[in-house]
Every structure is written in structure tokens, then in C-alpha cells.
Amino acid sequence: MNNVQWKKTFFLNGQEYYIDKSQTLFDIISYFNYNSSLFVLEYNNFICSKTNWNKITICDNDKIEIVTIVGGG
């Protein structure tokens, strides 16, 4: 039997993280407790619609950037 551990690296806002099971963008956002109404998500240099967060599985070396929306005047 193969005992090789499954582990993937991803980057969130420039910080390196590791996962040891399959995770979607939605899983990551939920884990870090982000309020999804207050940011835009960039996935591998492309803006990613909320409707796709549950469909995209994190792959090795993916880059996720959270751009928060700030109001003011």
C-alpha cells in the first residue's frame, strides 16, 4: 500500500499555507472566516465570481488574493 502523504501548498495574500485534503475556494474562505460581502477574490491572477467558489478545488501552488472593499469619503 502507498503511504505517501497528500499535501498541497497554496498562498493566501502572500502567506504560504498547506492543506492535506481536497479543499475548495469556499472551504478556504469559510475556514478563515471572511465576510464574503466585503471583498473580491482573485484566484491565480483572475477575479473569481462567488458562484464558482464551491466549484474550484485548490491545486498545488495556487495563489489567492483577498481584496477588501473599503468605503469612505
PDB file of N, CA and C in Angstrom:
ATOM      1  N   MET A   1       0.841  -1.181   0.000  1.00  0.00           N
ATOM      2  CA  MET A   1       0.000   0.000   0.000  1.00  0.00           C
ATOM      3  C   MET A   1       0.887   1.245   0.000  1.00  0.00           C
ATOM      4  N   ASN A   2       0.461   2.282  -0.679  1.00  0.00           N
ATOM      5  CA  ASN A   2       1.226   3.518  -0.802  1.00  0.00           C
ATOM      6  C   ASN A   2       0.976   4.422   0.403  1.00  0.00           C
ATOM      7  N   ASN A   3       2.017   4.772   1.144  1.00  0.00           N
ATOM      8  CA  ASN A   3       1.886   5.615   2.330  1.00  0.00           C
ATOM      9  C   ASN A   3       2.338   7.049   2.085  1.00  0.00           C
ATOM     10  N   VAL A   4       2.422   7.463   0.829  1.00  0.00           N
ATOM     11  CA  VAL A   4       2.833   8.830   0.511  1.00  0.00           C
ATOM     12  C   VAL A   4       1.734   9.785   0.960  1.00  0.00           C
ATOM     13  N   GLN A   5       2.124  10.794   1.715  1.00  0.00           N
ATOM     14  CA  GLN A   5       1.135  11.769   2.199  1.00  0.00           C
ATOM     15  C   GLN A   5       0.747  12.729   1.096  1.00  0.00           C
ATOM     16  N   TRP A   6      -0.526  13.071   1.059  1.00  0.00           N
ATOM     17  CA  TRP A   6      -1.058  14.030   0.099  1.00  0.00           C
ATOM     18  C   TRP A   6      -1.005  15.395   0.770  1.00  0.00           C
ATOM     19  N   LYS A   7      -0.275  16.331   0.179  1.00  0.00           N
ATOM     20  CA  LYS A   7      -0.182  17.674   0.746  1.00  0.00           C
ATOM     21  C   LYS A   7      -0.010  18.665  -0.389  1.00  0.00           C
ATOM     22  N   LYS A   8      -0.751  19.760  -0.314  1.00  0.00           N
ATOM     23  CA  LYS A   8      -0.632  20.809  -1.319  1.00  0.00           C
ATOM     24  C   LYS A   8      -0.347  22.133  -0.630  1.00  0.00           C
ATOM     25  N   THR A   9       0.413  22.955  -1.326  1.00  0.00           N
ATOM     26  CA  THR A   9       0.749  24.290  -0.858  1.00  0.00           C
ATOM     27  C   THR A   9      -0.094  25.285  -1.622  1.00  0.00           C
ATOM     28  N   PHE A  10      -0.613  26.298  -0.925  1.00  0.00           N
ATOM     29  CA  PHE A  10      -1.261  27.406  -1.602  1.00  0.00           C
ATOM     30  C   PHE A  10      -0.867  28.689  -0.887  1.00  0.00           C
ATOM     31  N   PHE A  11      -1.093  29.804  -1.549  1.00  0.00           N
ATOM     32  CA  PHE A  11      -0.733  31.107  -0.992  1.00  0.00           C
ATOM     33  C   PHE A  11      -1.986  31.956  -0.876  1.00  0.00           C
ATOM     34  N   LEU A  12      -2.199  32.501   0.308  1.00  0.00           N
ATOM     35  CA  LEU A  12      -3.327  33.391   0.569  1.00  0.00           C
ATOM     36  C   LEU A  12      -2.758  34.728   1.002  1.00  0.00           C
ATOM     37  N   ASN A  13      -2.984  35.744   0.181  1.00  0.00           N
ATOM     38  CA  ASN A  13      -2.444  37.087   0.438  1.00  0.00           C
ATOM     39  C   ASN A  13      -0.940  37.045   0.696  1.00  0.00           C
ATOM     40  N   GLY A  14      -0.242  36.223  -0.084  1.00  0.00           N
ATOM     41  CA  GLY A  14       1.212  36.136   0.010  1.00  0.00           C
ATOM     42  C   GLY A  14       1.734  35.208   1.091  1.00  0.00           C
ATOM     43  N   GLN A  15       0.874  34.708   1.955  1.00  0.00           N
ATOM     44  CA  GLN A  15       1.271  33.814   3.045  1.00  0.00           C
ATOM     45  C   GLN A  15       1.115  32.353   2.590  1.00  0.00           C
ATOM     46  N   GLU A  16       2.106  31.549   2.855  1.00  0.00           N
ATOM     47  CA  GLU A  16       2.090  30.147   2.441  1.00  0.00           C
ATOM     48  C   GLU A  16       1.310  29.291   3.442  1.00  0.00           C
ATOM     49  N   TYR A  17       0.426  28.428   2.905  1.00  0.00           N
ATOM     50  CA  TYR A  17      -0.364  27.504   3.724  1.00  0.00           C
ATOM     51  C   TYR A  17      -0.300  26.120   3.094  1.00  0.00           C
ATOM     52  N   TYR A  18      -0.641  25.113   3.897  1.00  0.00           N
ATOM     53  CA  TYR A  18      -0.650  23.734   3.430  1.00  0.00           C
ATOM     54  C   TYR A  18      -2.006  23.117   3.736  1.00  0.00           C
ATOM     55  N   ILE A  19      -2.473  22.276   2.832  1.00  0.00           N
ATOM     56  CA  ILE A  19      -3.685  21.502   3.078  1.00  0.00           C
ATOM     57  C   ILE A  19      -3.364  20.035   2.846  1.00  0.00           C
ATOM     58  N   ASP A  20      -4.051  19.171   3.581  1.00  0.00           N
ATOM     59  CA  ASP A  20      -3.786  17.742   3.439  1.00  0.00           C
ATOM     60  C   ASP A  20      -5.014  16.968   2.965  1.00  0.00           C
ATOM     61  N   LYS A  21      -6.026  17.711   2.495  1.00  0.00           N
ATOM     62  CA  LYS A  21      -7.189  17.084   1.868  1.00  0.00           C
ATOM     63  C   LYS A  21      -7.755  18.065   0.851  1.00  0.00           C
ATOM     64  N   SER A  22      -8.602  17.584  -0.007  1.00  0.00           N
ATOM     65  CA  SER A  22      -9.181  18.412  -1.054  1.00  0.00           C
ATOM     66  C   SER A  22     -10.023  19.540  -0.445  1.00  0.00           C
ATOM     67  N   GLN A  23      -9.776  20.769  -0.895  1.00  0.00           N
ATOM     68  CA  GLN A  23     -10.487  21.944  -0.395  1.00  0.00           C
ATOM     69  C   GLN A  23     -10.892  22.828  -1.578  1.00  0.00           C
ATOM     70  N   THR A  24     -12.057  23.447  -1.479  1.00  0.00           N
ATOM     71  CA  THR A  24     -12.489  24.404  -2.496  1.00  0.00           C
ATOM     72  C   THR A  24     -12.163  25.814  -2.019  1.00  0.00           C
ATOM     73  N   LEU A  25     -12.287  26.769  -2.922  1.00  0.00           N
ATOM     74  CA  LEU A  25     -12.123  28.170  -2.510  1.00  0.00           C
ATOM     75  C   LEU A  25     -13.109  28.511  -1.399  1.00  0.00           C
ATOM     76  N   PHE A  26     -14.340  28.030  -1.516  1.00  0.00           N
ATOM     77  CA  PHE A  26     -15.350  28.284  -0.482  1.00  0.00           C
ATOM     78  C   PHE A  26     -14.898  27.740   0.871  1.00  0.00           C
ATOM     79  N   ASP A  27     -14.319  26.543   0.884  1.00  0.00           N
ATOM     80  CA  ASP A  27     -13.821  25.951   2.139  1.00  0.00           C
ATOM     81  C   ASP A  27     -12.770  26.850   2.789  1.00  0.00           C
ATOM     82  N   ILE A  28     -11.858  27.376   1.965  1.00  0.00           N
ATOM     83  CA  ILE A  28     -10.781  28.227   2.486  1.00  0.00           C
ATOM     84  C   ILE A  28     -11.355  29.530   3.037  1.00  0.00           C
ATOM     85  N   ILE A  29     -12.259  30.153   2.300  1.00  0.00           N
ATOM     86  CA  ILE A  29     -12.889  31.408   2.741  1.00  0.00           C
ATOM     87  C   ILE A  29     -13.638  31.187   4.054  1.00  0.00           C
ATOM     88  N   SER A  30     -14.347  30.082   4.140  1.00  0.00           N
ATOM     89  CA  SER A  30     -15.091  29.759   5.368  1.00  0.00           C
ATOM     90  C   SER A  30     -14.146  29.509   6.542  1.00  0.00           C
ATOM     91  N   TYR A  31     -13.078  28.776   6.296  1.00  0.00           N
ATOM     92  CA  TYR A  31     -12.113  28.462   7.345  1.00  0.00           C
ATOM     93  C   TYR A  31     -11.516  29.738   7.951  1.00  0.00           C
ATOM     94  N   PHE A  32     -11.165  30.698   7.090  1.00  0.00           N
ATOM     95  CA  PHE A  32     -10.567  31.941   7.575  1.00  0.00           C
ATOM     96  C   PHE A  32     -11.611  32.972   7.991  1.00  0.00           C
ATOM     97  N   ASN A  33     -12.885  32.595   7.919  1.00  0.00           N
ATOM     98  CA  ASN A  33     -13.998  33.401   8.425  1.00  0.00           C
ATOM     99  C   ASN A  33     -14.086  34.783   7.771  1.00  0.00           C
ATOM    100  N   TYR A  34     -13.857  34.840   6.463  1.00  0.00           N
ATOM    101  CA  TYR A  34     -14.015  36.095   5.731  1.00  0.00           C
ATOM    102  C   TYR A  34     -15.489  36.372   5.488  1.00  0.00           C
ATOM    103  N   ASN A  35     -15.875  37.640   5.549  1.00  0.00           N
ATOM    104  CA  ASN A  35     -17.230  38.063   5.211  1.00  0.00           C
ATOM    105  C   ASN A  35     -17.276  38.277   3.701  1.00  0.00           C
ATOM    106  N   SER A  36     -17.887  37.362   2.983  1.00  0.00           N
ATOM    107  CA  SER A  36     -17.823  37.356   1.520  1.00  0.00           C
ATOM    108  C   SER A  36     -18.483  38.562   0.868  1.00  0.00           C
ATOM    109  N   SER A  37     -19.244  39.326   1.605  1.00  0.00           N
ATOM    110  CA  SER A  37     -19.880  40.511   1.013  1.00  0.00           C
ATOM    111  C   SER A  37     -18.942  41.716   1.023  1.00  0.00           C
ATOM    112  N   LEU A  38     -17.767  41.581   1.641  1.00  0.00           N
ATOM    113  CA  LEU A  38     -16.877  42.723   1.802  1.00  0.00           C
ATOM    114  C   LEU A  38     -15.564  42.602   1.032  1.00  0.00           C
ATOM    115  N   PHE A  39     -15.457  41.666   0.092  1.00  0.00           N
ATOM    116  CA  PHE A  39     -14.200  41.538  -0.635  1.00  0.00           C
ATOM    117  C   PHE A  39     -14.407  40.967  -2.034  1.00  0.00           C
ATOM    118  N   VAL A  40     -13.368  41.092  -2.817  1.00  0.00           N
ATOM    119  CA  VAL A  40     -13.282  40.471  -4.134  1.00  0.00           C
ATOM    120  C   VAL A  40     -12.167  39.435  -4.043  1.00  0.00           C
ATOM    121  N   LEU A  41     -12.372  38.289  -4.658  1.00  0.00           N
ATOM    122  CA  LEU A  41     -11.389  37.218  -4.600  1.00  0.00           C
ATOM    123  C   LEU A  41     -10.677  37.099  -5.947  1.00  0.00           C
ATOM    124  N   GLU A  42      -9.356  37.114  -5.880  1.00  0.00           N
ATOM    125  CA  GLU A  42      -8.525  36.904  -7.067  1.00  0.00           C
ATOM    126  C   GLU A  42      -7.875  35.533  -6.935  1.00  0.00           C
ATOM    127  N   TYR A  43      -8.077  34.697  -7.944  1.00  0.00           N
ATOM    128  CA  TYR A  43      -7.558  33.337  -7.935  1.00  0.00           C
ATOM    129  C   TYR A  43      -6.617  33.169  -9.115  1.00  0.00           C
ATOM    130  N   ASN A  44      -5.341  32.978  -8.826  1.00  0.00           N
ATOM    131  CA  ASN A  44      -4.318  32.841  -9.872  1.00  0.00           C
ATOM    132  C   ASN A  44      -4.395  33.980 -10.892  1.00  0.00           C
ATOM    133  N   ASN A  45      -4.468  35.194 -10.366  1.00  0.00           N
ATOM    134  CA  ASN A  45      -4.436  36.434 -11.147  1.00  0.00           C
ATOM    135  C   ASN A  45      -5.716  36.754 -11.909  1.00  0.00           C
ATOM    136  N   PHE A  46      -6.814  36.065 -11.616  1.00  0.00           N
ATOM    137  CA  PHE A  46      -8.094  36.368 -12.243  1.00  0.00           C
ATOM    138  C   PHE A  46      -9.161  36.569 -11.170  1.00  0.00           C
ATOM    139  N   ILE A  47     -10.025  37.560 -11.371  1.00  0.00           N
ATOM    140  CA  ILE A  47     -11.147  37.769 -10.453  1.00  0.00           C
ATOM    141  C   ILE A  47     -12.064  36.557 -10.563  1.00  0.00           C
ATOM    142  N   CYS A  48     -12.460  36.020  -9.428  1.00  0.00           N
ATOM    143  CA  CYS A  48     -13.261  34.808  -9.396  1.00  0.00           C
ATOM    144  C   CYS A  48     -14.642  35.116  -8.821  1.00  0.00           C
ATOM    145  N   SER A  49     -15.676  34.804  -9.568  1.00  0.00           N
ATOM    146  CA  SER A  49     -17.057  35.021  -9.145  1.00  0.00           C
ATOM    147  C   SER A  49     -17.412  34.107  -7.969  1.00  0.00           C
ATOM    148  N   LYS A  50     -18.233  34.627  -7.064  1.00  0.00           N
ATOM    149  CA  LYS A  50     -18.676  33.840  -5.908  1.00  0.00           C
ATOM    150  C   LYS A  50     -19.373  32.557  -6.327  1.00  0.00           C
ATOM    151  N   THR A  51     -20.032  32.582  -7.473  1.00  0.00           N
ATOM    152  CA  THR A  51     -20.756  31.389  -7.932  1.00  0.00           C
ATOM    153  C   THR A  51     -19.818  30.226  -8.240  1.00  0.00           C
ATOM    154  N   ASN A  52     -18.534  30.499  -8.415  1.00  0.00           N
ATOM    155  CA  ASN A  52     -17.563  29.442  -8.725  1.00  0.00           C
ATOM    156  C   ASN A  52     -16.757  28.969  -7.525  1.00  0.00           C
ATOM    157  N   TRP A  53     -16.863  29.630  -6.399  1.00  0.00           N
ATOM    158  CA  TRP A  53     -16.031  29.288  -5.241  1.00  0.00           C
ATOM    159  C   TRP A  53     -16.186  27.836  -4.818  1.00  0.00           C
ATOM    160  N   ASN A  54     -17.383  27.301  -4.921  1.00  0.00           N
ATOM    161  CA  ASN A  54     -17.632  25.921  -4.498  1.00  0.00           C
ATOM    162  C   ASN A  54     -17.203  24.914  -5.549  1.00  0.00           C
ATOM    163  N   LYS A  55     -16.908  25.381  -6.759  1.00  0.00           N
ATOM    164  CA  LYS A  55     -16.554  24.505  -7.871  1.00  0.00           C
ATOM    165  C   LYS A  55     -15.048  24.401  -8.091  1.00  0.00           C
ATOM    166  N   ILE A  56     -14.277  25.331  -7.517  1.00  0.00           N
ATOM    167  CA  ILE A  56     -12.829  25.366  -7.761  1.00  0.00           C
ATOM    168  C   ILE A  56     -12.090  24.712  -6.600  1.00  0.00           C
ATOM    169  N   THR A  57     -11.374  23.650  -6.910  1.00  0.00           N
ATOM    170  CA  THR A  57     -10.583  22.932  -5.917  1.00  0.00           C
ATOM    171  C   THR A  57      -9.163  23.492  -5.924  1.00  0.00           C
ATOM    172  N   ILE A  58      -8.637  23.715  -4.743  1.00  0.00           N
ATOM    173  CA  ILE A  58      -7.285  24.250  -4.590  1.00  0.00           C
ATOM    174  C   ILE A  58      -6.271  23.251  -5.142  1.00  0.00           C
ATOM    175  N   CYS A  59      -5.382  23.761  -5.989  1.00  0.00           N
ATOM    176  CA  CYS A  59      -4.295  22.955  -6.551  1.00  0.00           C
ATOM    177  C   CYS A  59      -2.964  23.445  -5.980  1.00  0.00           C
ATOM    178  N   ASP A  60      -1.942  22.637  -6.135  1.00  0.00           N
ATOM    179  CA  ASP A  60      -0.621  22.973  -5.613  1.00  0.00           C
ATOM    180  C   ASP A  60      -0.126  24.301  -6.198  1.00  0.00           C
ATOM    181  N   ASN A  61       0.343  25.168  -5.311  1.00  0.00           N
ATOM    182  CA  ASN A  61       0.908  26.484  -5.641  1.00  0.00           C
ATOM    183  C   ASN A  61      -0.103  27.511  -6.157  1.00  0.00           C
ATOM    184  N   ASP A  62      -1.393  27.288  -5.904  1.00  0.00           N
ATOM    185  CA  ASP A  62      -2.392  28.294  -6.260  1.00  0.00           C
ATOM    186  C   ASP A  62      -2.170  29.562  -5.459  1.00  0.00           C
ATOM    187  N   LYS A  63      -2.536  30.675  -6.067  1.00  0.00           N
ATOM    188  CA  LYS A  63      -2.409  31.975  -5.403  1.00  0.00           C
ATOM    189  C   LYS A  63      -3.789  32.601  -5.280  1.00  0.00           C
ATOM    190  N   ILE A  64      -4.147  32.912  -4.033  1.00  0.00           N
ATOM    191  CA  ILE A  64      -5.442  33.522  -3.730  1.00  0.00           C
ATOM    192  C   ILE A  64      -5.172  34.870  -3.085  1.00  0.00           C
ATOM    193  N   GLU A  65      -5.801  35.887  -3.605  1.00  0.00           N
ATOM    194  CA  GLU A  65      -5.691  37.224  -3.019  1.00  0.00           C
ATOM    195  C   GLU A  65      -7.084  37.702  -2.652  1.00  0.00           C
ATOM    196  N   ILE A  66      -7.213  38.214  -1.449  1.00  0.00           N
ATOM    197  CA  ILE A  66      -8.474  38.779  -0.977  1.00  0.00           C
ATOM    198  C   ILE A  66      -8.308  40.296  -1.000  1.00  0.00           C
ATOM    199  N   VAL A  67      -9.146  40.946  -1.800  1.00  0.00           N
ATOM    200  CA  VAL A  67      -9.102  42.410  -1.910  1.00  0.00           C
ATOM    201  C   VAL A  67     -10.346  42.928  -1.208  1.00  0.00           C
ATOM    202  N   THR A  68     -10.163  43.581  -0.069  1.00  0.00           N
ATOM    203  CA  THR A  68     -11.298  44.074   0.700  1.00  0.00           C
ATOM    204  C   THR A  68     -11.805  45.397   0.149  1.00  0.00           C
ATOM    205  N   ILE A  69     -13.076  45.619   0.313  1.00  0.00           N
ATOM    206  CA  ILE A  69     -13.727  46.832  -0.143  1.00  0.00           C
ATOM    207  C   ILE A  69     -13.793  47.798   1.034  1.00  0.00           C
ATOM    208  N   VAL A  70     -13.249  49.000   0.842  1.00  0.00           N
ATOM    209  CA  VAL A  70     -13.217  49.989   1.897  1.00  0.00           C
ATOM    210  C   VAL A  70     -14.014  51.201   1.453  1.00  0.00           C
ATOM    211  N   GLY A  71     -14.930  51.629   2.287  1.00  0.00           N
ATOM    212  CA  GLY A  71     -15.730  52.811   1.972  1.00  0.00           C
ATOM    213  C   GLY A  71     -15.133  54.046   2.642  1.00  0.00           C
ATOM    214  N   GLY A  72     -15.552  55.167   2.185  1.00  0.00           N
ATOM    215  CA  GLY A  72     -15.063  56.406   2.799  1.00  0.00           C
ATOM    216  C   GLY A  72     -15.443  57.592   1.937  1.00  0.00           C
ATOM    217  N   GLY A  73     -15.004  58.707   2.375  1.00  0.00           N
ATOM    218  CA  GLY A  73     -15.357  59.878   1.570  1.00  0.00           C
ATOM    219  C   GLY A  73     -14.552  61.081   1.960  1.00  0.00           C
TER     220      GLY A  73
END
